[in-house]
């Protein structure tokens, strides 16, 4: 199991939500967790691209990474 690091700001928001029951923190927490999840997915795709055993898998991971990044087809090599 891997560890995941979050910003201190997100950690404090989570603590305020659960420990002090400040429900107004929920949108900020959701946004922070979504941002972190997106970063994790992007890192995983990049890692797959760099370590894929076959050229076909490497190209598939590269295209998925670029699609999620929003790089247009016409700009790719």
Protein backbone atom coordinates (compact mmCIF):
# COMPACT_ATOMS: atom_id res chain seq x y z
CA UNK A 1 0.00 0.00 0.00
CA UNK A 2 1.38 3.38 -1.01
CA UNK A 3 1.28 6.55 1.07
CA UNK A 4 -0.31 9.71 -0.25
CA UNK A 5 0.71 13.20 0.78
CA UNK A 6 -1.80 16.02 0.95
CA UNK A 7 -1.29 19.71 1.56
CA UNK A 8 -1.44 21.09 5.07
CA UNK A 9 -4.38 23.24 3.99
CA UNK A 10 -6.40 20.18 2.93
CA UNK A 11 -5.44 18.33 6.10
CA UNK A 12 -6.62 21.23 8.28
CA UNK A 13 -9.89 21.44 6.32
CA UNK A 14 -10.48 17.70 6.89
CA UNK A 15 -9.68 18.07 10.57
CA UNK A 16 -12.06 21.02 10.93
CA UNK A 17 -14.79 19.05 9.16
CA UNK A 18 -14.49 15.93 11.31
CA UNK A 19 -13.25 17.27 14.64
CA UNK A 20 -15.15 20.56 14.81
CA UNK A 21 -18.07 19.45 12.61
CA UNK A 22 -17.75 22.48 10.35
CA UNK A 23 -19.77 21.33 7.35
CA UNK A 24 -18.89 24.47 5.40
CA UNK A 25 -15.48 22.85 4.77
CA UNK A 26 -16.98 20.05 2.65
CA UNK A 27 -16.76 21.80 -0.78
CA UNK A 28 -13.12 22.73 -0.13
CA UNK A 29 -12.33 19.17 0.93
CA UNK A 30 -14.03 17.69 -2.14
CA UNK A 31 -12.15 20.05 -4.45
CA UNK A 32 -8.82 19.28 -2.78
CA UNK A 33 -9.36 15.51 -2.93
CA UNK A 34 -10.45 15.65 -6.58
CA UNK A 35 -7.33 17.65 -7.43
CA UNK A 36 -5.16 15.12 -5.60
CA UNK A 37 -6.86 12.18 -7.31
CA UNK A 38 -6.34 13.77 -10.73
CA UNK A 39 -2.66 14.29 -9.94
CA UNK A 40 -2.33 10.65 -8.87
CA UNK A 41 -4.01 9.39 -12.05
CA UNK A 42 -1.78 11.58 -14.22
CA UNK A 43 1.33 10.31 -12.43
CA UNK A 44 0.21 6.71 -12.86
CA UNK A 45 -0.37 7.21 -16.60
CA UNK A 46 3.01 8.87 -17.00
CA UNK A 47 4.68 6.02 -15.13
CA UNK A 48 2.91 3.45 -17.34
CA UNK A 49 4.09 5.35 -20.40
CA UNK A 50 7.70 5.36 -19.24
CA UNK A 51 7.81 1.73 -18.03
CA UNK A 52 5.54 -0.10 -20.48
CA UNK A 53 7.09 -3.35 -21.68
CA UNK A 54 5.83 -3.08 -25.26
CA UNK A 55 5.64 -0.20 -27.72
CA UNK A 56 1.89 -0.76 -28.10
CA UNK A 57 1.25 -0.38 -24.35
CA UNK A 58 3.62 2.58 -24.24
CA UNK A 59 1.75 4.36 -27.03
CA UNK A 60 -1.64 3.62 -25.46
CA UNK A 61 -0.53 5.07 -22.11
CA UNK A 62 1.05 8.08 -23.82
CA UNK A 63 -2.16 8.84 -25.74
CA UNK A 64 -4.32 8.47 -22.63
CA UNK A 65 -1.97 10.78 -20.72
CA UNK A 66 -2.07 13.39 -23.47
CA UNK A 67 -5.87 13.09 -23.78
CA UNK A 68 -6.29 13.77 -20.05
CA UNK A 69 -3.83 16.67 -20.30
CA UNK A 70 -5.93 18.15 -23.09
CA UNK A 71 -3.20 18.16 -25.73
CA UNK A 72 -4.85 18.35 -29.16
CA UNK A 73 -4.17 15.57 -31.68
CA UNK A 74 -2.70 18.08 -34.13
CA UNK A 75 -0.06 19.14 -31.59
CA UNK A 76 1.25 15.63 -30.88
CA UNK A 77 4.25 14.01 -32.52
